[in-house]
């Protein structure tokens, strides 16, 4: 296998990529909406506000863990491809 040959993503990597992008996007959106709601003087203790705050708090750490999983899966697959290419 040539050194600079592109390696296509497999299904697991594509799913992880979509999950990461979705979770990061929703978390950032929740944080922005919470900031806007707090600045406008909304009652943050009731309604949907506690759920938005929770999404903002836990979404980005979950995305970080998924990024680490993605890196491990990608590294293992590339090593297997390189090992099989040497034979």
PDB file of N, CA and C in Angstrom:
ATOM      1  N   UNK A   1       0.846  -1.172   0.000  1.00  0.00           N
ATOM      2  CA  UNK A   1       0.000   0.000   0.000  1.00  0.00           C
ATOM      3  C   UNK A   1       0.893   1.238   0.000  1.00  0.00           C
ATOM      4  N   UNK A   2       0.705   2.168  -0.927  1.00  0.00           N
ATOM      5  CA  UNK A   2       1.529   3.378  -0.952  1.00  0.00           C
ATOM      6  C   UNK A   2       1.333   4.214   0.310  1.00  0.00           C
ATOM      7  N   UNK A   3       2.363   4.939   0.650  1.00  0.00           N
ATOM      8  CA  UNK A   3       2.341   5.741   1.878  1.00  0.00           C
ATOM      9  C   UNK A   3       1.253   6.816   1.865  1.00  0.00           C
ATOM     10  N   UNK A   4       0.997   7.438   0.729  1.00  0.00           N
ATOM     11  CA  UNK A   4       0.060   8.556   0.663  1.00  0.00           C
ATOM     12  C   UNK A   4      -1.307   8.148   0.102  1.00  0.00           C
ATOM     13  N   UNK A   5      -1.619   6.881   0.055  1.00  0.00           N
ATOM     14  CA  UNK A   5      -2.903   6.426  -0.477  1.00  0.00           C
ATOM     15  C   UNK A   5      -4.022   6.759   0.505  1.00  0.00           C
ATOM     16  N   UNK A   6      -5.128   7.314   0.015  1.00  0.00           N
ATOM     17  CA  UNK A   6      -6.240   7.619   0.917  1.00  0.00           C
ATOM     18  C   UNK A   6      -6.885   6.338   1.432  1.00  0.00           C
ATOM     19  N   UNK A   7      -7.281   6.371   2.690  1.00  0.00           N
ATOM     20  CA  UNK A   7      -7.919   5.213   3.311  1.00  0.00           C
ATOM     21  C   UNK A   7      -9.382   5.577   3.546  1.00  0.00           C
ATOM     22  N   UNK A   8     -10.314   4.858   2.924  1.00  0.00           N
ATOM     23  CA  UNK A   8     -11.729   5.203   3.084  1.00  0.00           C
ATOM     24  C   UNK A   8     -12.230   4.883   4.492  1.00  0.00           C
ATOM     25  N   UNK A   9     -13.236   5.623   4.921  1.00  0.00           N
ATOM     26  CA  UNK A   9     -13.846   5.383   6.225  1.00  0.00           C
ATOM     27  C   UNK A   9     -14.770   4.181   6.142  1.00  0.00           C
ATOM     28  N   UNK A  10     -14.783   3.385   7.200  1.00  0.00           N
ATOM     29  CA  UNK A  10     -15.745   2.296   7.232  1.00  0.00           C
ATOM     30  C   UNK A  10     -17.022   2.775   7.920  1.00  0.00           C
ATOM     31  N   UNK A  11     -17.995   1.896   8.047  1.00  0.00           N
ATOM     32  CA  UNK A  11     -19.303   2.293   8.562  1.00  0.00           C
ATOM     33  C   UNK A  11     -19.224   2.806   9.995  1.00  0.00           C
ATOM     34  N   UNK A  12     -18.466   2.146  10.840  1.00  0.00           N
ATOM     35  CA  UNK A  12     -18.357   2.567  12.240  1.00  0.00           C
ATOM     36  C   UNK A  12     -17.773   3.969  12.329  1.00  0.00           C
ATOM     37  N   UNK A  13     -16.765   4.250  11.538  1.00  0.00           N
ATOM     38  CA  UNK A  13     -16.152   5.577  11.561  1.00  0.00           C
ATOM     39  C   UNK A  13     -17.114   6.647  11.064  1.00  0.00           C
ATOM     40  N   UNK A  14     -17.891   6.326  10.031  1.00  0.00           N
ATOM     41  CA  UNK A  14     -18.884   7.302   9.542  1.00  0.00           C
ATOM     42  C   UNK A  14     -19.953   7.572  10.589  1.00  0.00           C
ATOM     43  N   UNK A  15     -20.418   6.530  11.271  1.00  0.00           N
ATOM     44  CA  UNK A  15     -21.444   6.706  12.308  1.00  0.00           C
ATOM     45  C   UNK A  15     -20.886   7.538  13.460  1.00  0.00           C
ATOM     46  N   UNK A  16     -19.668   7.222  13.896  1.00  0.00           N
ATOM     47  CA  UNK A  16     -19.052   8.005  14.967  1.00  0.00           C
ATOM     48  C   UNK A  16     -18.883   9.467  14.564  1.00  0.00           C
ATOM     49  N   UNK A  17     -18.509   9.708  13.322  1.00  0.00           N
ATOM     50  CA  UNK A  17     -18.341  11.081  12.849  1.00  0.00           C
ATOM     51  C   UNK A  17     -19.652  11.850  12.898  1.00  0.00           C
ATOM     52  N   UNK A  18     -20.728  11.208  12.469  1.00  0.00           N
ATOM     53  CA  UNK A  18     -22.043  11.872  12.506  1.00  0.00           C
ATOM     54  C   UNK A  18     -22.479  12.108  13.946  1.00  0.00           C
ATOM     55  N   UNK A  19     -22.271  11.128  14.816  1.00  0.00           N
ATOM     56  CA  UNK A  19     -22.631  11.309  16.225  1.00  0.00           C
ATOM     57  C   UNK A  19     -21.864  12.464  16.841  1.00  0.00           C
ATOM     58  N   UNK A  20     -20.566  12.519  16.585  1.00  0.00           N
ATOM     59  CA  UNK A  20     -19.743  13.588  17.154  1.00  0.00           C
ATOM     60  C   UNK A  20     -20.227  14.948  16.676  1.00  0.00           C
ATOM     61  N   UNK A  21     -20.441  15.085  15.378  1.00  0.00           N
ATOM     62  CA  UNK A  21     -20.886  16.371  14.826  1.00  0.00           C
ATOM     63  C   UNK A  21     -22.252  16.770  15.389  1.00  0.00           C
ATOM     64  N   UNK A  22     -23.156  15.810  15.501  1.00  0.00           N
ATOM     65  CA  UNK A  22     -24.492  16.105  16.012  1.00  0.00           C
ATOM     66  C   UNK A  22     -24.450  16.517  17.474  1.00  0.00           C
ATOM     67  N   UNK A  23     -23.715  15.780  18.283  1.00  0.00           N
ATOM     68  CA  UNK A  23     -23.654  16.094  19.711  1.00  0.00           C
ATOM     69  C   UNK A  23     -22.977  17.438  19.948  1.00  0.00           C
ATOM     70  N   UNK A  24     -21.895  17.705  19.233  1.00  0.00           N
ATOM     71  CA  UNK A  24     -21.221  19.002  19.387  1.00  0.00           C
ATOM     72  C   UNK A  24     -22.143  20.134  18.943  1.00  0.00           C
ATOM     73  N   UNK A  25     -22.812  19.952  17.811  1.00  0.00           N
ATOM     74  CA  UNK A  25     -23.725  20.994  17.327  1.00  0.00           C
ATOM     75  C   UNK A  25     -24.870  21.263  18.291  1.00  0.00           C
ATOM     76  N   UNK A  26     -25.496  20.198  18.793  1.00  0.00           N
ATOM     77  CA  UNK A  26     -26.598  20.377  19.740  1.00  0.00           C
ATOM     78  C   UNK A  26     -26.122  20.992  21.054  1.00  0.00           C
ATOM     79  N   UNK A  27     -24.944  20.608  21.511  1.00  0.00           N
ATOM     80  CA  UNK A  27     -24.417  21.157  22.757  1.00  0.00           C
ATOM     81  C   UNK A  27     -24.123  22.642  22.631  1.00  0.00           C
ATOM     82  N   UNK A  28     -23.498  23.020  21.536  1.00  0.00           N
ATOM     83  CA  UNK A  28     -23.199  24.441  21.336  1.00  0.00           C
ATOM     84  C   UNK A  28     -24.485  25.241  21.179  1.00  0.00           C
ATOM     85  N   UNK A  29     -25.449  24.688  20.456  1.00  0.00           N
ATOM     86  CA  UNK A  29     -26.738  25.356  20.316  1.00  0.00           C
ATOM     87  C   UNK A  29     -27.429  25.514  21.667  1.00  0.00           C
ATOM     88  N   UNK A  30     -27.384  24.479  22.499  1.00  0.00           N
ATOM     89  CA  UNK A  30     -28.000  24.548  23.824  1.00  0.00           C
ATOM     90  C   UNK A  30     -27.315  25.593  24.700  1.00  0.00           C
ATOM     91  N   UNK A  31     -25.985  25.672  24.615  1.00  0.00           N
ATOM     92  CA  UNK A  31     -25.251  26.667  25.398  1.00  0.00           C
ATOM     93  C   UNK A  31     -25.618  28.077  24.949  1.00  0.00           C
ATOM     94  N   UNK A  32     -25.676  28.294  23.651  1.00  0.00           N
ATOM     95  CA  UNK A  32     -26.023  29.624  23.131  1.00  0.00           C
ATOM     96  C   UNK A  32     -27.450  30.003  23.532  1.00  0.00           C
ATOM     97  N   UNK A  33     -28.383  29.065  23.410  1.00  0.00           N
ATOM     98  CA  UNK A  33     -29.773  29.350  23.789  1.00  0.00           C
ATOM     99  C   UNK A  33     -29.870  29.632  25.286  1.00  0.00           C
ATOM    100  N   UNK A  34     -29.113  28.898  26.099  1.00  0.00           N
ATOM    101  CA  UNK A  34     -29.126  29.143  27.546  1.00  0.00           C
ATOM    102  C   UNK A  34     -28.574  30.529  27.868  1.00  0.00           C
ATOM    103  N   UNK A  35     -27.515  30.927  27.200  1.00  0.00           N
ATOM    104  CA  UNK A  35     -26.941  32.260  27.424  1.00  0.00           C
ATOM    105  C   UNK A  35     -27.937  33.339  27.028  1.00  0.00           C
ATOM    106  N   UNK A  36     -28.583  33.160  25.882  1.00  0.00           N
ATOM    107  CA  UNK A  36     -29.573  34.148  25.433  1.00  0.00           C
ATOM    108  C   UNK A  36     -30.756  34.194  26.398  1.00  0.00           C
ATOM    109  N   UNK A  37     -31.223  33.025  26.835  1.00  0.00           N
ATOM    110  CA  UNK A  37     -32.342  32.987  27.780  1.00  0.00           C
ATOM    111  C   UNK A  37     -31.998  33.627  29.104  1.00  0.00           C
ATOM    112  N   UNK A  38     -30.801  33.387  29.580  1.00  0.00           N
ATOM    113  CA  UNK A  38     -30.379  33.988  30.841  1.00  0.00           C
ATOM    114  C   UNK A  38     -30.233  35.504  30.708  1.00  0.00           C
ATOM    115  N   UNK A  39     -29.714  35.959  29.581  1.00  0.00           N
ATOM    116  CA  UNK A  39     -29.552  37.401  29.368  1.00  0.00           C
ATOM    117  C   UNK A  39     -30.895  38.107  29.214  1.00  0.00           C
ATOM    118  N   UNK A  40     -31.898  37.393  28.703  1.00  0.00           N
ATOM    119  CA  UNK A  40     -33.203  38.023  28.530  1.00  0.00           C
ATOM    120  C   UNK A  40     -34.061  37.963  29.788  1.00  0.00           C
ATOM    121  N   UNK A  41     -33.554  37.336  30.832  1.00  0.00           N
ATOM    122  CA  UNK A  41     -34.261  37.320  32.105  1.00  0.00           C
ATOM    123  C   UNK A  41     -35.284  36.211  32.242  1.00  0.00           C
ATOM    124  N   UNK A  42     -35.137  35.138  31.513  1.00  0.00           N
ATOM    125  CA  UNK A  42     -36.081  34.024  31.602  1.00  0.00           C
ATOM    126  C   UNK A  42     -35.905  33.289  32.932  1.00  0.00           C
ATOM    127  N   UNK A  43     -36.985  32.672  33.389  1.00  0.00           N
ATOM    128  CA  UNK A  43     -36.952  31.873  34.610  1.00  0.00           C
ATOM    129  C   UNK A  43     -36.226  30.563  34.300  1.00  0.00           C
ATOM    130  N   UNK A  44     -34.995  30.414  34.766  1.00  0.00           N
ATOM    131  CA  UNK A  44     -34.154  29.281  34.394  1.00  0.00           C
ATOM    132  C   UNK A  44     -34.433  28.027  35.222  1.00  0.00           C
ATOM    133  N   UNK A  45     -35.249  28.116  36.263  1.00  0.00           N
ATOM    134  CA  UNK A  45     -35.478  26.972  37.144  1.00  0.00           C
ATOM    135  C   UNK A  45     -36.629  26.083  36.680  1.00  0.00           C
ATOM    136  N   UNK A  46     -37.388  26.516  35.689  1.00  0.00           N
ATOM    137  CA  UNK A  46     -38.528  25.710  35.267  1.00  0.00           C
ATOM    138  C   UNK A  46     -38.601  25.674  33.743  1.00  0.00           C
ATOM    139  N   UNK A  47     -39.469  24.814  33.255  1.00  0.00           N
ATOM    140  CA  UNK A  47     -39.648  24.696  31.809  1.00  0.00           C
ATOM    141  C   UNK A  47     -38.564  23.837  31.199  1.00  0.00           C
ATOM    142  N   UNK A  48     -38.157  24.211  30.000  1.00  0.00           N
ATOM    143  CA  UNK A  48     -37.159  23.442  29.272  1.00  0.00           C
ATOM    144  C   UNK A  48     -35.729  23.840  29.627  1.00  0.00           C
ATOM    145  N   UNK A  49     -35.556  24.888  30.371  1.00  0.00           N
ATOM    146  CA  UNK A  49     -34.222  25.414  30.669  1.00  0.00           C
ATOM    147  C   UNK A  49     -33.319  24.424  31.386  1.00  0.00           C
ATOM    148  N   UNK A  50     -33.794  23.693  32.398  1.00  0.00           N
ATOM    149  CA  UNK A  50     -32.877  22.723  33.027  1.00  0.00           C
ATOM    150  C   UNK A  50     -32.370  21.652  32.046  1.00  0.00           C
ATOM    151  N   UNK A  51     -33.214  21.221  31.120  1.00  0.00           N
ATOM    152  CA  UNK A  51     -32.790  20.231  30.129  1.00  0.00           C
ATOM    153  C   UNK A  51     -31.738  20.818  29.192  1.00  0.00           C
ATOM    154  N   UNK A  52     -31.905  22.062  28.784  1.00  0.00           N
ATOM    155  CA  UNK A  52     -30.913  22.706  27.916  1.00  0.00           C
ATOM    156  C   UNK A  52     -29.574  22.870  28.621  1.00  0.00           C
ATOM    157  N   UNK A  53     -29.629  23.229  29.896  1.00  0.00           N
ATOM    158  CA  UNK A  53     -28.386  23.361  30.660  1.00  0.00           C
ATOM    159  C   UNK A  53     -27.696  22.006  30.772  1.00  0.00           C
ATOM    160  N   UNK A  54     -28.470  20.946  31.001  1.00  0.00           N
ATOM    161  CA  UNK A  54     -27.905  19.605  31.109  1.00  0.00           C
ATOM    162  C   UNK A  54     -27.262  19.164  29.799  1.00  0.00           C
ATOM    163  N   UNK A  55     -27.911  19.439  28.681  1.00  0.00           N
ATOM    164  CA  UNK A  55     -27.336  19.094  27.374  1.00  0.00           C
ATOM    165  C   UNK A  55     -26.017  19.839  27.167  1.00  0.00           C
ATOM    166  N   UNK A  56     -25.984  21.085  27.572  1.00  0.00           N
ATOM    167  CA  UNK A  56     -24.749  21.867  27.446  1.00  0.00           C
ATOM    168  C   UNK A  56     -23.628  21.341  28.328  1.00  0.00           C
ATOM    169  N   UNK A  57     -23.977  20.845  29.508  1.00  0.00           N
ATOM    170  CA  UNK A  57     -22.965  20.333  30.429  1.00  0.00           C
ATOM    171  C   UNK A  57     -22.399  18.976  30.026  1.00  0.00           C
ATOM    172  N   UNK A  58     -23.257  18.075  29.561  1.00  0.00           N
ATOM    173  CA  UNK A  58     -22.772  16.715  29.310  1.00  0.00           C
ATOM    174  C   UNK A  58     -22.479  16.422  27.840  1.00  0.00           C
ATOM    175  N   UNK A  59     -22.975  17.246  26.932  1.00  0.00           N
ATOM    176  CA  UNK A  59     -22.799  16.967  25.510  1.00  0.00           C
ATOM    177  C   UNK A  59     -21.362  17.029  25.042  1.00  0.00           C
ATOM    178  N   UNK A  60     -20.641  18.060  25.412  1.00  0.00           N
ATOM    179  CA  UNK A  60     -19.261  18.207  24.946  1.00  0.00           C
ATOM    180  C   UNK A  60     -18.323  17.143  25.530  1.00  0.00           C
ATOM    181  N   UNK A  61     -18.437  16.779  26.812  1.00  0.00           N
ATOM    182  CA  UNK A  61     -17.599  15.668  27.297  1.00  0.00           C
ATOM    183  C   UNK A  61     -17.910  14.336  26.597  1.00  0.00           C
ATOM    184  N   UNK A  62     -19.176  14.080  26.302  1.00  0.00           N
ATOM    185  CA  UNK A  62     -19.525  12.865  25.575  1.00  0.00           C
ATOM    186  C   UNK A  62     -18.904  12.893  24.177  1.00  0.00           C
ATOM    187  N   UNK A  63     -18.947  14.040  23.520  1.00  0.00           N
ATOM    188  CA  UNK A  63     -18.338  14.170  22.195  1.00  0.00           C
ATOM    189  C   UNK A  63     -16.832  13.958  22.267  1.00  0.00           C
ATOM    190  N   UNK A  64     -16.201  14.427  23.327  1.00  0.00           N
ATOM    191  CA  UNK A  64     -14.769  14.228  23.489  1.00  0.00           C
ATOM    192  C   UNK A  64     -14.434  12.740  23.618  1.00  0.00           C
ATOM    193  N   UNK A  65     -15.209  12.010  24.392  1.00  0.00           N
ATOM    194  CA  UNK A  65     -15.002  10.569  24.534  1.00  0.00           C
ATOM    195  C   UNK A  65     -15.204   9.876  23.183  1.00  0.00           C
ATOM    196  N   UNK A  66     -16.215  10.301  22.428  1.00  0.00           N
ATOM    197  CA  UNK A  66     -16.448   9.712  21.112  1.00  0.00           C
ATOM    198  C   UNK A  66     -15.303  10.015  20.151  1.00  0.00           C
ATOM    199  N   UNK A  67     -14.684  11.177  20.277  1.00  0.00           N
ATOM    200  CA  UNK A  67     -13.526  11.502  19.449  1.00  0.00           C
ATOM    201  C   UNK A  67     -12.374  10.557  19.776  1.00  0.00           C
ATOM    202  N   UNK A  68     -12.171  10.280  21.069  1.00  0.00           N
ATOM    203  CA  UNK A  68     -11.129   9.329  21.449  1.00  0.00           C
ATOM    204  C   UNK A  68     -11.423   7.938  20.902  1.00  0.00           C
ATOM    205  N   UNK A  69     -12.680   7.505  20.968  1.00  0.00           N
ATOM    206  CA  UNK A  69     -13.067   6.209  20.413  1.00  0.00           C
ATOM    207  C   UNK A  69     -12.812   6.196  18.913  1.00  0.00           C
ATOM    208  N   UNK A  70     -13.159   7.273  18.231  1.00  0.00           N
ATOM    209  CA  UNK A  70     -12.922   7.372  16.791  1.00  0.00           C
ATOM    210  C   UNK A  70     -11.438   7.238  16.465  1.00  0.00           C
ATOM    211  N   UNK A  71     -10.593   7.911  17.229  1.00  0.00           N
ATOM    212  CA  UNK A  71      -9.156   7.832  16.988  1.00  0.00           C
ATOM    213  C   UNK A  71      -8.626   6.417  17.193  1.00  0.00           C
ATOM    214  N   UNK A  72      -9.110   5.732  18.231  1.00  0.00           N
ATOM    215  CA  UNK A  72      -8.664   4.363  18.483  1.00  0.00           C
ATOM    216  C   UNK A  72      -9.113   3.440  17.351  1.00  0.00           C
ATOM    217  N   UNK A  73     -10.375   3.550  16.943  1.00  0.00           N
ATOM    218  CA  UNK A  73     -10.900   2.695  15.870  1.00  0.00           C
ATOM    219  C   UNK A  73     -10.136   2.940  14.574  1.00  0.00           C
ATOM    220  N   UNK A  74      -9.885   4.185  14.257  1.00  0.00           N
ATOM    221  CA  UNK A  74      -9.163   4.522  13.033  1.00  0.00           C
ATOM    222  C   UNK A  74      -7.725   4.007  13.071  1.00  0.00           C
ATOM    223  N   UNK A  75      -7.057   4.170  14.204  1.00  0.00           N
ATOM    224  CA  UNK A  75      -5.681   3.708  14.334  1.00  0.00           C
ATOM    225  C   UNK A  75      -5.589   2.195  14.198  1.00  0.00           C
ATOM    226  N   UNK A  76      -6.488   1.481  14.838  1.00  0.00           N
ATOM    227  CA  UNK A  76      -6.477   0.017  14.748  1.00  0.00           C
ATOM    228  C   UNK A  76      -6.713  -0.427  13.310  1.00  0.00           C
ATOM    229  N   UNK A  77      -7.662   0.189  12.631  1.00  0.00           N
ATOM    230  CA  UNK A  77      -7.956  -0.201  11.255  1.00  0.00           C
ATOM    231  C   UNK A  77      -6.782   0.090  10.328  1.00  0.00           C
ATOM    232  N   UNK A  78      -6.160   1.248  10.501  1.00  0.00           N
ATOM    233  CA  UNK A  78      -5.012   1.581   9.647  1.00  0.00           C
ATOM    234  C   UNK A  78      -3.826   0.650   9.890  1.00  0.00           C
ATOM    235  N   UNK A  79      -3.623   0.260  11.140  1.00  0.00           N
ATOM    236  CA  UNK A  79      -2.538  -0.682  11.429  1.00  0.00           C
ATOM    237  C   UNK A  79      -2.824  -2.032  10.795  1.00  0.00           C
ATOM    238  N   UNK A  80      -4.072  -2.463  10.856  1.00  0.00           N
ATOM    239  CA  UNK A  80      -4.423  -3.736  10.218  1.00  0.00           C
ATOM    240  C   UNK A  80      -4.231  -3.665   8.712  1.00  0.00           C
ATOM    241  N   UNK A  81      -4.628  -2.548   8.110  1.00  0.00           N
ATOM    242  CA  UNK A  81      -4.429  -2.389   6.666  1.00  0.00           C
ATOM    243  C   UNK A  81      -2.955  -2.393   6.309  1.00  0.00           C
ATOM    244  N   UNK A  82      -2.144  -1.725   7.102  1.00  0.00           N
ATOM    245  CA  UNK A  82      -0.707  -1.675   6.836  1.00  0.00           C
ATOM    246  C   UNK A  82      -0.078  -3.055   7.015  1.00  0.00           C
ATOM    247  N   UNK A  83      -0.501  -3.774   8.039  1.00  0.00           N
ATOM    248  CA  UNK A  83       0.036  -5.098   8.280  1.00  0.00           C
ATOM    249  C   UNK A  83      -0.360  -6.056   7.167  1.00  0.00           C
ATOM    250  N   UNK A  84      -1.613  -5.989   6.716  1.00  0.00           N
ATOM    251  CA  UNK A  84      -2.064  -6.852   5.626  1.00  0.00           C
ATOM    252  C   UNK A  84      -1.424  -6.465   4.292  1.00  0.00           C
ATOM    253  N   UNK A  85      -1.071  -5.215   4.143  1.00  0.00           N
ATOM    254  CA  UNK A  85      -0.447  -4.757   2.903  1.00  0.00           C
ATOM    255  C   UNK A  85       0.997  -5.205   2.789  1.00  0.00           C
ATOM    256  N   UNK A  86       1.642  -5.481   3.917  1.00  0.00           N
ATOM    257  CA  UNK A  86       3.050  -5.906   3.904  1.00  0.00           C
ATOM    258  C   UNK A  86       3.188  -7.362   3.468  1.00  0.00           C
ATOM    259  N   UNK A  87       2.141  -8.147   3.588  1.00  0.00           N
ATOM    260  CA  UNK A  87       2.223  -9.573   3.266  1.00  0.00           C
ATOM    261  C   UNK A  87       2.235  -9.816   1.787  1.00  0.00           C
TER     262      UNK A  87
END
